[in-house]
C-alpha cells in the first residue's frame, strides 16, 4: 500500500488519537489544526508516478517509543505519497498509527507549501554561521578559485556547461515522463528478510 492509499483509506478522526499520544507535546486543543491542514493537503495531491522516483519505499520501523518512517522528511510530498510502505517484522501498529507517523515525518519542514518553502529559505539564507563560512572561504580562496563569471568566460567551459544542461533538460524524467535511470527498480518486496509490505 502506498502512503497516498493509506491516507485516502482513513479519516483524520481515526489518526488524531495517535498524533496526540506520540507527536504533540503537552497537548492543547489547537495542536491538531496544522496536522489536519497537512492531512487534507496531502490527500489533494496527485502522487508522482512510482517509476519516476528514486526511493520507492518508506521503511516503517519501531523507534524507542514510537514509529519511525524513513525516508519521508525532505522529500517532495508527491514523491512521498507514491512510496510503498514496508513494515519491519516487529511493527505491530494499526493503519491509523502508521498514518500518524507518516504525517509527522512529512510535516517536518512545514505543514503547507509556504511553510516548507520558508523553512528551506531560512536554512539557506538566514543562518549566520553559513553566511560567515561562505564569506570566509570566498575571501580566502578568491585568488585561487575563479568566480562563476570568470569560468563562463572560458569558451570550452561555457560550451561544456551548455551541452550538459541541454542534455539534462532533454532527458529530465519528470519533465517528459521517462523512467528515471538513477537506480534500478526496487522489487515489490524490499528484499530484506522479515519485512512486510503494508
Protein backbone atom coordinates (compact mmCIF):
# COMPACT_ATOMS: atom_id res chain seq x y z
CA UNK A 1 0.00 0.00 0.00
CA UNK A 2 1.31 3.46 -0.85
CA UNK A 3 1.17 6.41 1.53
CA UNK A 4 -1.50 8.02 -0.67
CA UNK A 5 -3.66 4.88 -0.49
CA UNK A 6 -3.22 4.74 3.29
CA UNK A 7 -4.24 8.37 3.81
CA UNK A 8 -7.22 8.02 1.46
CA UNK A 9 -8.44 4.99 3.42
CA UNK A 10 -8.62 6.83 6.75
CA UNK A 11 -10.39 9.81 8.27
CA UNK A 12 -8.48 12.38 10.27
CA UNK A 13 -10.53 11.44 13.36
CA UNK A 14 -9.02 7.94 13.22
CA UNK A 15 -5.47 9.33 13.09
CA UNK A 16 -5.84 12.13 15.67
CA UNK A 17 -5.52 10.00 18.85
CA UNK A 18 -2.12 8.72 17.70
CA UNK A 19 -0.93 12.23 16.82
CA UNK A 20 -1.93 13.38 20.31
CA UNK A 21 -0.29 10.40 22.01
CA UNK A 22 3.02 10.39 20.13
CA UNK A 23 3.55 13.63 18.20
CA UNK A 24 2.27 16.55 20.28
CA UNK A 25 3.86 17.78 23.49
CA UNK A 26 1.63 18.99 26.33
CA UNK A 27 -1.40 18.66 24.07
CA UNK A 28 -3.57 21.74 23.63
CA UNK A 29 -6.78 21.73 21.54
CA UNK A 30 -5.24 23.76 18.67
CA UNK A 31 -2.27 21.42 18.23
CA UNK A 32 -4.07 19.25 15.69
CA UNK A 33 -5.07 22.11 13.35
CA UNK A 34 -1.80 22.12 11.36
CA UNK A 35 -1.88 18.31 11.13
CA UNK A 36 -5.44 18.42 9.79
CA UNK A 37 -4.38 21.02 7.19
CA UNK A 38 -1.40 18.86 6.23
CA UNK A 39 -3.57 15.73 6.02
CA UNK A 40 -6.12 17.47 3.76
CA UNK A 41 -3.39 18.98 1.60
CA UNK A 42 -1.61 15.64 1.08
CA UNK A 43 -4.88 13.95 0.14
CA UNK A 44 -5.47 16.63 -2.50
CA UNK A 45 -2.13 15.95 -4.24
CA UNK A 46 -1.51 13.54 -7.09
CA UNK A 47 1.41 11.21 -6.36
CA UNK A 48 4.40 11.12 -8.67
CA UNK A 49 4.49 8.05 -10.91
CA UNK A 50 6.40 5.49 -8.91
CA UNK A 51 8.82 4.68 -11.72
CA UNK A 52 9.99 8.32 -11.66
CA UNK A 53 11.16 8.37 -8.05
CA UNK A 54 14.49 7.04 -6.83
CA UNK A 55 13.47 5.69 -3.38
CA UNK A 56 10.32 3.69 -3.98
CA UNK A 57 9.72 2.52 -0.42
CA UNK A 58 9.29 4.07 3.01
CA UNK A 59 10.55 1.80 5.78
CA UNK A 60 8.35 1.81 8.89
CA UNK A 61 10.26 0.71 11.98
CA UNK A 62 9.84 0.79 15.73
CA UNK A 63 11.83 3.53 17.47
CA UNK A 64 12.43 3.90 21.18
CA UNK A 65 8.84 4.82 22.00
CA UNK A 66 7.15 5.50 18.66
CA UNK A 67 7.20 4.52 15.00
CA UNK A 68 9.70 5.92 12.51
CA UNK A 69 9.26 6.26 8.73
CA UNK A 70 12.30 6.65 6.51
CA UNK A 71 12.83 8.34 4.09
CA UNK A 72 9.97 10.84 4.10
CA UNK A 73 11.46 14.02 5.60
CA UNK A 74 12.66 16.43 2.96
CA UNK A 75 11.20 14.50 0.01
CA UNK A 76 8.74 16.16 -2.33
CA UNK A 77 5.33 15.37 -0.92
CA UNK A 78 4.15 13.96 -4.25
CA UNK A 79 7.12 11.54 -4.18
CA UNK A 80 6.39 10.51 -0.58
CA UNK A 81 2.77 9.75 -1.47
CA UNK A 82 3.90 7.32 -4.18
CA UNK A 83 6.13 5.27 -1.87
CA UNK A 84 5.22 1.74 -0.83
CA UNK A 85 5.08 1.41 2.95
CA UNK A 86 7.22 -1.52 4.15
CA UNK A 87 6.93 -2.58 7.79
CA UNK A 88 9.72 -4.13 9.83
CA UNK A 89 8.66 -7.51 11.25
CA UNK A 90 8.48 -6.11 14.81
CA UNK A 91 5.97 -3.37 13.91
CA UNK A 92 2.53 -4.14 15.29
CA UNK A 93 0.59 -0.96 14.56
CA UNK A 94 -2.78 -0.05 13.13
CA UNK A 95 -3.09 1.78 9.83
CA UNK A 96 -4.08 4.94 11.72
CA UNK A 97 -0.94 4.81 13.87
CA UNK A 98 1.25 4.34 10.78
CA UNK A 99 -0.52 7.26 9.09
CA UNK A 100 0.13 9.47 12.15
CA UNK A 101 3.82 8.59 11.99
CA UNK A 102 3.97 9.40 8.27
CA UNK A 103 2.16 12.73 8.78
CA UNK A 104 4.66 13.70 11.44
CA UNK A 105 7.61 12.86 9.19
CA UNK A 106 6.24 14.57 6.08
CA UNK A 107 5.42 17.73 8.07
CA UNK A 108 8.94 18.04 9.49
CA UNK A 109 9.75 21.16 7.42
CA UNK A 110 6.19 22.55 7.36
CA UNK A 111 2.55 21.60 7.12
CA UNK A 112 1.73 23.57 3.96
CA UNK A 113 3.87 24.57 0.94
CA UNK A 114 4.51 28.16 2.04
CA UNK A 115 5.78 26.97 5.45
CA UNK A 116 8.07 24.42 3.86
CA UNK A 117 9.49 26.97 1.41
CA UNK A 118 10.08 29.40 4.28
CA UNK A 119 11.90 26.72 6.29
CA UNK A 120 14.22 25.90 3.38
CA UNK A 121 14.79 29.59 2.66
CA UNK A 122 15.80 30.21 6.27
CA UNK A 123 18.26 27.35 6.22
CA UNK A 124 19.95 28.70 3.11
CA UNK A 125 19.88 32.44 3.74
CA UNK A 126 19.25 33.20 7.40
CA UNK A 127 21.81 31.05 9.18
CA UNK A 128 24.58 33.49 10.18
CA UNK A 129 27.07 30.64 10.56
CA UNK A 130 26.54 29.55 6.95
CA UNK A 131 26.83 33.12 5.74
CA UNK A 132 30.06 33.67 7.71
CA UNK A 133 31.52 30.38 6.49
CA UNK A 134 30.69 31.17 2.86
CA UNK A 135 32.24 34.64 3.15
CA UNK A 136 35.35 33.22 4.83
CA UNK A 137 36.01 30.69 2.04
CA UNK A 138 35.14 33.19 -0.67
CA UNK A 139 37.69 35.65 0.74
CA UNK A 140 40.32 33.01 1.49
CA UNK A 141 40.28 31.36 -1.94
CA UNK A 142 39.19 34.21 -4.23
CA UNK A 143 42.65 34.42 -5.82
CA UNK A 144 42.89 30.65 -6.36
CA UNK A 145 39.36 29.68 -7.39
CA UNK A 146 37.82 31.66 -10.25
CA UNK A 147 34.32 33.03 -9.88
CA UNK A 148 31.39 31.67 -11.92
CA UNK A 149 31.57 34.74 -14.14
CA UNK A 150 35.29 34.17 -14.79
CA UNK A 151 34.71 30.49 -15.56
CA UNK A 152 31.95 31.33 -18.06
CA UNK A 153 34.43 33.48 -19.99
CA UNK A 154 36.37 30.33 -20.93
CA UNK A 155 34.76 29.13 -24.22
CA UNK A 156 35.40 25.39 -23.69
CA UNK A 157 33.92 25.50 -20.18
CA UNK A 158 30.91 27.56 -21.30
CA UNK A 159 30.22 25.20 -24.22
CA UNK A 160 30.52 22.12 -21.98
CA UNK A 161 28.04 23.60 -19.46
CA UNK A 162 25.57 24.48 -22.23
CA UNK A 163 25.87 20.99 -23.71
CA UNK A 164 25.37 19.31 -20.33
CA UNK A 165 22.37 21.47 -19.46
CA UNK A 166 20.77 20.81 -22.83
CA UNK A 167 21.20 17.08 -22.25
CA UNK A 168 19.75 17.33 -18.73
CA UNK A 169 16.70 19.27 -19.93
CA UNK A 170 16.17 16.83 -22.79
CA UNK A 171 16.40 13.73 -20.56
CA UNK A 172 14.77 15.02 -17.37
CA UNK A 173 12.48 12.18 -16.18
CA UNK A 174 9.72 14.26 -14.58
CA UNK A 175 9.50 16.68 -17.49
CA UNK A 176 8.89 14.19 -20.27
CA UNK A 177 7.53 11.17 -18.37
CA UNK A 178 10.55 8.94 -18.99
CA UNK A 179 11.66 6.38 -16.45
CA UNK A 180 14.40 7.66 -14.13
CA UNK A 181 17.57 5.63 -14.60
CA UNK A 182 19.34 6.76 -11.42
CA UNK A 183 18.54 3.41 -9.82
CA UNK A 184 17.15 0.13 -11.00
CA UNK A 185 13.61 -0.53 -9.96
CA UNK A 186 13.14 -1.91 -6.48
CA UNK A 187 11.20 -5.12 -6.33
CA UNK A 188 7.84 -5.06 -4.60
CA UNK A 189 9.46 -6.88 -1.69
CA UNK A 190 12.32 -4.86 -0.25
CA UNK A 191 14.50 -7.99 -0.24
CA UNK A 192 15.25 -7.70 3.48
CA UNK A 193 14.09 -10.80 5.37
CA UNK A 194 11.27 -10.15 7.79
CA UNK A 195 9.86 -7.07 6.07
CA UNK A 196 6.19 -6.93 5.29
CA UNK A 197 4.66 -4.68 2.67
CA UNK A 198 1.64 -2.88 4.00
